[in-house]
Amino acid sequence: MLTSTQQAKSCEMLFDEFRRERGNYRGEKLIFSGVGTRDVYNITAPFMDDGEQVIAGRVEDRYKEASEIMFFVNRKGEWVPRPGSPVYALQDPFISFIQGELVVGGVEVYFDADDPHFVTSWRTVFYRGTRIGSLEPFAKGPLTMKDIRLVDLGNRRIGVFTRPMMVEGARAKIGYTEIRDLTELTEEVIKRAELLHNLFVPDEWGGANEAHVLANGTIGVLGHIARMEKNNIRHYYPMTFAFDPATHVHSPIKLILSRDMFPEGPAKRPDLEDVLFSGGLVRIDGGSARVYTGVSDAEAHSIVIPDPFLEYEK
């Protein structure tokens, strides 16, 4: 059932509920090679391009913030850079298919001229084309806004999820608007998106990572919710909710994964150990789904769990 009136729950409350109900599901690390000593994380789900499966991933030195988005293909169980594919100086890739075109996006980060480790601002940028080899830039989001995601609703309607920061006394909220064509994706349109309420408590935040049109016409949103405790320790959890584009009513958030469901491994920094950034979800016939996620800002994993969108289609 969708409801916009239920009050938001904190990450800790959601995690306590999730921990009591989750099953015994375990993720697995994906192996990336061909990038030297750099890490690959915050990946997309695999998608088809020129007849083969491709994953886009964030490629980064362990102790730096300057990243590249690269495209990978599977060769004998390892994901390797795809020859001839473009490389973008961006973070956190995402993809969608809109009105017959591939849309690829990422986060453009600006660094202080005197301190290459200090980030001064960021924004989401978008590329479009019929295939990876034909991608061209076409839009940028407002400064300091990540997690802008698109979904093709059909009938010449494109859903746009946004994530403005510091609005209405909250650290961040998710917004939603619609456009008819990719040429309408402008900063002004993104800024005017209607805010969704009762998703996050004021001192926590989150965003949409991927959106799926469900069988009943609602949108299943895969995203993340996050909180920060003292000493800037971050906690990120993959979550889902359903959104009705006709009424702008949404379901409550539910967590779908936590860090202890994946093998132990390194973290970029100690404050990022409990961070999962869900990049994509593939629904599987029979009621399961495979989720692809960045882990601790250092690795990329996947996991098969019960399809979290099924209940929204009832």
Protein backbone atom coordinates (compact mmCIF):
# COMPACT_ATOMS: atom_id res chain seq x y z
CA MET A 1 0.00 0.00 0.00
CA LEU A 2 1.23 3.51 -0.80
CA THR A 3 1.04 6.23 1.81
CA SER A 4 2.64 9.64 2.11
CA THR A 5 1.36 10.34 5.61
CA GLN A 6 3.40 7.82 7.62
CA GLN A 7 6.19 9.58 9.48
CA ALA A 8 9.75 8.90 8.40
CA LYS A 9 11.77 6.40 10.41
CA SER A 10 15.42 6.81 11.27
CA CYS A 11 18.14 4.58 9.84
CA GLU A 12 18.52 2.88 13.20
CA MET A 13 14.80 2.08 13.43
CA LEU A 14 14.73 0.79 9.86
CA PHE A 15 17.81 -1.34 10.46
CA ASP A 16 16.36 -2.87 13.61
CA GLU A 17 13.21 -3.85 11.68
CA PHE A 18 15.24 -5.17 8.75
CA ARG A 19 17.58 -7.22 10.94
CA ARG A 20 14.62 -9.05 12.50
CA GLU A 21 13.06 -9.94 9.14
CA ARG A 22 15.92 -10.50 6.69
CA GLY A 23 16.85 -13.97 5.53
CA ASN A 24 20.23 -15.62 5.32
CA TYR A 25 21.45 -14.11 2.05
CA ARG A 26 25.13 -13.61 1.25
CA GLY A 27 26.75 -11.45 -1.38
CA GLU A 28 29.86 -12.06 -3.44
CA LYS A 29 32.69 -9.83 -4.55
CA LEU A 30 33.01 -9.09 -8.27
CA ILE A 31 36.53 -9.30 -9.66
CA PHE A 32 37.78 -6.32 -11.68
CA SER A 33 41.18 -6.25 -13.36
CA GLY A 34 43.09 -4.20 -15.88
CA VAL A 35 43.06 -0.97 -13.83
CA GLY A 36 46.33 -1.38 -11.96
CA THR A 37 46.09 -0.92 -8.21
CA ARG A 38 42.98 1.24 -8.39
CA ASP A 39 39.68 0.19 -6.82
CA VAL A 40 36.43 -0.30 -8.74
CA TYR A 41 33.23 0.36 -6.81
CA ASN A 42 29.79 2.00 -7.02
CA ILE A 43 28.98 0.04 -10.16
CA THR A 44 25.84 -0.07 -12.28
CA ALA A 45 23.94 -3.25 -12.95
CA PRO A 46 25.00 -4.94 -16.20
CA PHE A 47 23.30 -3.61 -19.32
CA MET A 48 23.40 -4.56 -22.99
CA ASP A 49 25.45 -2.58 -25.50
CA ASP A 50 26.31 -3.82 -28.98
CA GLY A 51 25.24 -7.33 -28.06
CA GLU A 52 27.25 -7.80 -24.86
CA GLN A 53 26.80 -7.11 -21.17
CA VAL A 54 28.60 -4.06 -19.84
CA ILE A 55 29.07 -2.65 -16.33
CA ALA A 56 30.02 0.96 -15.65
CA GLY A 57 32.13 1.48 -12.54
CA ARG A 58 33.87 4.15 -10.49
CA VAL A 59 37.64 3.66 -10.73
CA GLU A 60 39.78 5.38 -8.12
CA ASP A 61 43.03 5.26 -6.20
CA ARG A 62 42.43 4.16 -2.60
CA TYR A 63 43.60 7.42 -1.05
CA LYS A 64 42.28 9.92 -3.61
CA GLU A 65 38.89 11.35 -4.61
CA ALA A 66 39.66 11.97 -8.29
CA SER A 67 37.77 9.25 -10.14
CA GLU A 68 37.07 7.92 -13.59
CA ILE A 69 34.01 6.14 -14.93
CA MET A 70 35.02 3.18 -17.06
CA PHE A 71 33.05 0.50 -18.89
CA PHE A 72 33.82 -3.18 -18.24
CA VAL A 73 32.99 -6.49 -19.90
CA ASN A 74 33.22 -9.99 -18.45
CA ARG A 75 36.10 -12.11 -19.67
CA LYS A 76 36.48 -15.55 -18.05
CA GLY A 77 34.88 -14.44 -14.79
CA GLU A 78 36.70 -11.12 -14.47
CA TRP A 79 35.44 -7.69 -15.45
CA VAL A 80 38.02 -5.92 -17.61
CA PRO A 81 38.01 -2.50 -19.33
CA ARG A 82 36.14 -2.62 -22.62
CA PRO A 83 38.50 -1.69 -25.45
CA GLY A 84 37.58 1.50 -27.26
CA SER A 85 35.01 2.68 -24.72
CA PRO A 86 35.16 6.26 -23.44
CA VAL A 87 36.51 7.13 -20.01
CA TYR A 88 34.96 10.01 -18.09
CA ALA A 89 36.45 12.02 -15.21
CA LEU A 90 33.36 11.43 -13.08
CA GLN A 91 32.18 9.56 -9.99
CA ASP A 92 29.28 7.16 -9.34
CA PRO A 93 27.97 6.11 -12.77
CA PHE A 94 24.33 5.36 -13.54
CA ILE A 95 22.47 4.36 -16.69
CA SER A 96 18.93 4.30 -18.02
CA PHE A 97 17.24 3.72 -21.36
CA ILE A 98 15.04 6.66 -22.35
CA GLN A 99 12.93 6.80 -25.50
CA GLY A 100 15.22 4.45 -27.38
CA GLU A 101 18.49 6.00 -26.22
CA LEU A 102 21.09 5.07 -23.65
CA VAL A 103 21.60 7.74 -20.97
CA VAL A 104 24.78 7.58 -18.89
CA GLY A 105 25.45 9.93 -16.01
CA GLY A 106 27.91 10.57 -13.25
CA VAL A 107 29.05 13.16 -10.73
CA GLU A 108 31.48 15.87 -11.82
CA VAL A 109 33.62 16.94 -8.86
CA TYR A 110 35.45 20.26 -8.49
CA PHE A 111 38.63 20.44 -6.43
CA ASP A 112 40.34 23.35 -4.72
CA ALA A 113 43.07 24.80 -6.94
CA ASP A 114 45.56 24.76 -4.06
CA ASP A 115 44.53 21.42 -2.52
CA PRO A 116 43.71 18.59 -4.95
CA HIS A 117 42.23 16.53 -2.09
CA PHE A 118 39.67 19.18 -1.08
CA VAL A 119 36.32 19.02 -2.91
CA THR A 120 34.68 22.43 -3.35
CA SER A 121 31.52 21.39 -5.22
CA TRP A 122 29.94 18.80 -7.51
CA ARG A 123 27.10 18.28 -9.96
CA THR A 124 25.45 15.51 -11.99
CA VAL A 125 26.17 15.40 -15.71
CA PHE A 126 24.42 13.41 -18.46
CA TYR A 127 25.39 11.83 -21.77
CA ARG A 128 23.05 10.32 -24.40
CA GLY A 129 23.41 8.16 -27.49
CA THR A 130 22.20 5.03 -29.22
CA ARG A 131 25.20 3.15 -27.81
CA ILE A 132 28.21 3.74 -25.59
CA GLY A 133 30.33 4.60 -28.63
CA SER A 134 28.01 7.45 -29.63
CA LEU A 135 27.49 9.14 -26.24
CA GLU A 136 27.42 12.95 -26.23
CA PRO A 137 26.93 15.35 -23.29
CA PHE A 138 23.49 16.96 -23.16
CA ALA A 139 22.58 18.13 -19.63
CA LYS A 140 23.91 19.14 -16.22
CA GLY A 141 22.18 19.31 -12.87
CA PRO A 142 22.44 22.12 -10.32
CA LEU A 143 25.58 22.51 -8.26
CA THR A 144 25.77 20.28 -5.15
CA MET A 145 23.05 17.92 -6.40
CA LYS A 146 23.79 14.23 -6.79
CA ASP A 147 21.34 11.35 -7.33
CA ILE A 148 19.36 12.72 -10.27
CA ARG A 149 17.80 9.72 -12.00
CA LEU A 150 15.59 9.25 -15.06
CA VAL A 151 12.94 6.65 -15.90
CA ASP A 152 11.01 6.19 -19.14
CA LEU A 153 7.31 6.09 -18.26
CA GLY A 154 6.10 5.64 -21.84
CA ASN A 155 3.60 7.86 -23.66
CA ARG A 156 6.32 10.52 -24.05
CA ARG A 157 6.75 10.97 -20.31
CA ILE A 158 10.08 10.81 -18.51
CA GLY A 159 10.19 10.70 -14.72
CA VAL A 160 12.99 12.67 -13.04
CA PHE A 161 14.03 12.04 -9.44
CA THR A 162 16.16 14.75 -7.83
CA ARG A 163 18.02 15.21 -4.53
CA PRO A 164 18.28 18.83 -3.32
CA MET A 165 20.25 19.45 -0.14
CA MET A 166 19.40 21.63 2.85
CA VAL A 167 15.71 22.15 2.05
CA GLU A 168 12.82 22.67 4.47
CA GLY A 169 15.07 22.15 7.46
CA ALA A 170 16.27 18.75 6.22
CA ARG A 171 19.73 17.65 5.21
CA ALA A 172 18.33 16.36 1.90
CA LYS A 173 15.07 15.31 0.28
CA ILE A 174 14.08 13.47 -2.88
CA GLY A 175 12.13 15.41 -5.48
CA TYR A 176 10.16 14.35 -8.54
CA THR A 177 9.10 15.96 -11.79
CA GLU A 178 8.35 14.90 -15.36
CA ILE A 179 9.52 15.97 -18.79
CA ARG A 180 8.48 14.93 -22.30
CA ASP A 181 11.87 14.89 -23.97
CA LEU A 182 15.50 14.78 -22.89
CA THR A 183 16.00 18.28 -24.26
CA GLU A 184 13.78 19.52 -21.39
CA LEU A 185 16.21 18.27 -18.73
CA THR A 186 17.54 21.62 -17.50
CA GLU A 187 18.79 22.95 -14.18
CA GLU A 188 15.64 25.03 -13.82
CA VAL A 189 13.34 22.05 -14.33
CA ILE A 190 15.35 19.96 -11.88
CA LYS A 191 15.24 22.71 -9.24
CA ARG A 192 11.43 22.96 -9.52
CA ALA A 193 10.81 19.27 -8.76
CA GLU A 194 8.12 18.60 -6.14
CA LEU A 195 9.57 17.33 -2.88
CA LEU A 196 8.59 13.96 -1.41
CA HIS A 197 7.92 14.18 2.30
CA ASN A 198 8.21 11.63 5.13
CA LEU A 199 11.09 9.68 3.61
CA PHE A 200 13.99 10.81 5.83
CA VAL A 201 14.27 12.28 9.30
CA PRO A 202 15.78 15.80 9.16
CA ASP A 203 19.38 14.93 10.05
CA GLU A 204 19.61 11.95 7.67
CA TRP A 205 19.64 11.83 3.90
CA GLY A 206 19.38 9.58 0.89
CA GLY A 207 18.67 9.48 -2.80
CA ALA A 208 17.41 7.47 -5.75
CA ASN A 209 19.96 5.25 -7.50
CA GLU A 210 17.75 3.57 -10.09
CA ALA A 211 14.05 3.58 -11.02
CA HIS A 212 11.93 0.76 -12.49
CA VAL A 213 8.43 1.00 -13.96
CA LEU A 214 6.41 -1.74 -12.27
CA ALA A 215 3.57 -3.84 -13.63
CA ASN A 216 0.86 -1.66 -12.07
CA GLY A 217 2.29 1.62 -13.38
CA THR A 218 3.97 2.67 -10.14
CA ILE A 219 7.71 3.29 -9.99
CA GLY A 220 9.96 1.07 -7.91
CA VAL A 221 12.85 3.16 -6.62
CA LEU A 222 16.15 1.59 -5.60
CA GLY A 223 18.09 4.04 -3.48
CA HIS A 224 20.09 4.59 -0.34
CA ILE A 225 19.48 6.12 3.07
CA ALA A 226 22.33 7.37 5.21
CA ARG A 227 23.19 8.77 8.60
CA MET A 228 26.32 10.08 10.24
CA GLU A 229 27.36 9.54 13.83
CA LYS A 230 30.03 11.32 15.84
CA ASN A 231 33.52 11.41 14.37
CA ASN A 232 31.85 11.56 10.94
CA ILE A 233 31.29 7.80 10.81
CA ARG A 234 28.92 7.14 7.91
CA HIS A 235 26.27 4.44 7.58
CA TYR A 236 24.68 3.84 4.15
CA TYR A 237 21.93 1.28 3.53
CA PRO A 238 20.33 0.26 0.23
CA MET A 239 16.58 0.79 0.35
CA THR A 240 13.49 0.75 -1.85
CA PHE A 241 10.15 2.48 -1.99
CA ALA A 242 7.30 2.75 -4.49
CA PHE A 243 6.09 5.99 -6.03
CA ASP A 244 2.85 6.62 -7.94
CA PRO A 245 3.60 9.20 -10.67
CA ALA A 246 -0.13 9.93 -11.09
CA THR A 247 -0.80 10.88 -7.46
CA HIS A 248 2.74 11.55 -6.16
CA VAL A 249 2.00 9.22 -3.25
CA HIS A 250 4.84 6.98 -2.07
CA SER A 251 5.29 3.99 0.19
CA PRO A 252 7.49 4.03 3.30
CA ILE A 253 11.16 3.19 2.89
CA LYS A 254 12.34 -0.34 3.55
CA LEU A 255 15.95 -1.46 3.84
CA ILE A 256 17.02 -4.35 1.62
CA LEU A 257 20.74 -4.86 2.46
CA SER A 258 23.35 -4.23 5.13
CA ARG A 259 27.15 -4.45 5.19
CA ASP A 260 27.25 -7.67 7.21
CA MET A 261 25.54 -9.54 4.35
CA PHE A 262 28.77 -9.27 2.30
CA PRO A 263 32.26 -10.70 2.76
CA GLU A 264 34.72 -8.72 4.85
CA GLY A 265 37.05 -6.49 2.90
CA PRO A 266 38.94 -3.22 2.84
CA ALA A 267 37.45 0.26 3.20
CA LYS A 268 38.62 3.48 1.61
CA ARG A 269 38.71 5.04 5.08
CA PRO A 270 37.65 3.86 8.55
CA ASP A 271 34.59 6.14 8.47
CA LEU A 272 33.35 4.38 5.30
CA GLU A 273 33.37 0.77 6.50
CA ASP A 274 29.57 0.61 6.87
CA VAL A 275 28.76 2.05 3.44
CA LEU A 276 26.77 0.32 0.71
CA PHE A 277 25.89 2.31 -2.41
CA SER A 278 23.36 0.38 -4.48
CA GLY A 279 23.98 1.00 -8.17
CA GLY A 280 21.45 -1.23 -9.88
CA LEU A 281 18.99 -4.09 -9.59
CA VAL A 282 18.06 -6.82 -12.06
CA ARG A 283 14.72 -8.55 -11.51
CA ILE A 284 14.78 -12.34 -12.01
CA ASP A 285 11.86 -14.53 -12.99
CA GLY A 286 10.60 -16.52 -10.03
CA GLY A 287 10.63 -13.73 -7.47
CA SER A 288 14.31 -12.89 -6.96
CA ALA A 289 16.49 -9.92 -7.79
CA ARG A 290 20.23 -9.39 -8.06
CA VAL A 291 21.49 -6.14 -6.58
CA TYR A 292 24.82 -4.59 -7.57
CA THR A 293 26.44 -2.37 -4.97
CA GLY A 294 29.58 -0.57 -3.99
CA VAL A 295 30.97 -1.76 -0.65
CA SER A 296 32.95 0.44 1.76
CA ASP A 297 33.99 2.73 -1.12
CA ALA A 298 36.58 0.12 -2.11
CA GLU A 299 34.91 -2.91 -3.74
CA ALA A 300 31.97 -3.96 -5.90
CA HIS A 301 29.68 -6.84 -4.92
CA SER A 302 26.40 -8.41 -5.96
CA ILE A 303 23.77 -10.38 -4.08
CA VAL A 304 20.55 -12.27 -4.89
CA ILE A 305 17.62 -11.47 -2.57
CA PRO A 306 13.82 -11.72 -2.80
CA ASP A 307 12.56 -9.16 -5.33
CA PRO A 308 11.85 -6.07 -3.18
CA PHE A 309 9.48 -4.63 -5.80
CA LEU A 310 6.99 -7.53 -5.84
CA GLU A 311 4.97 -6.25 -2.90
CA TYR A 312 4.50 -2.90 -4.63
CA GLU A 313 2.86 -4.60 -7.62
CA LYS A 314 0.08 -6.19 -5.60
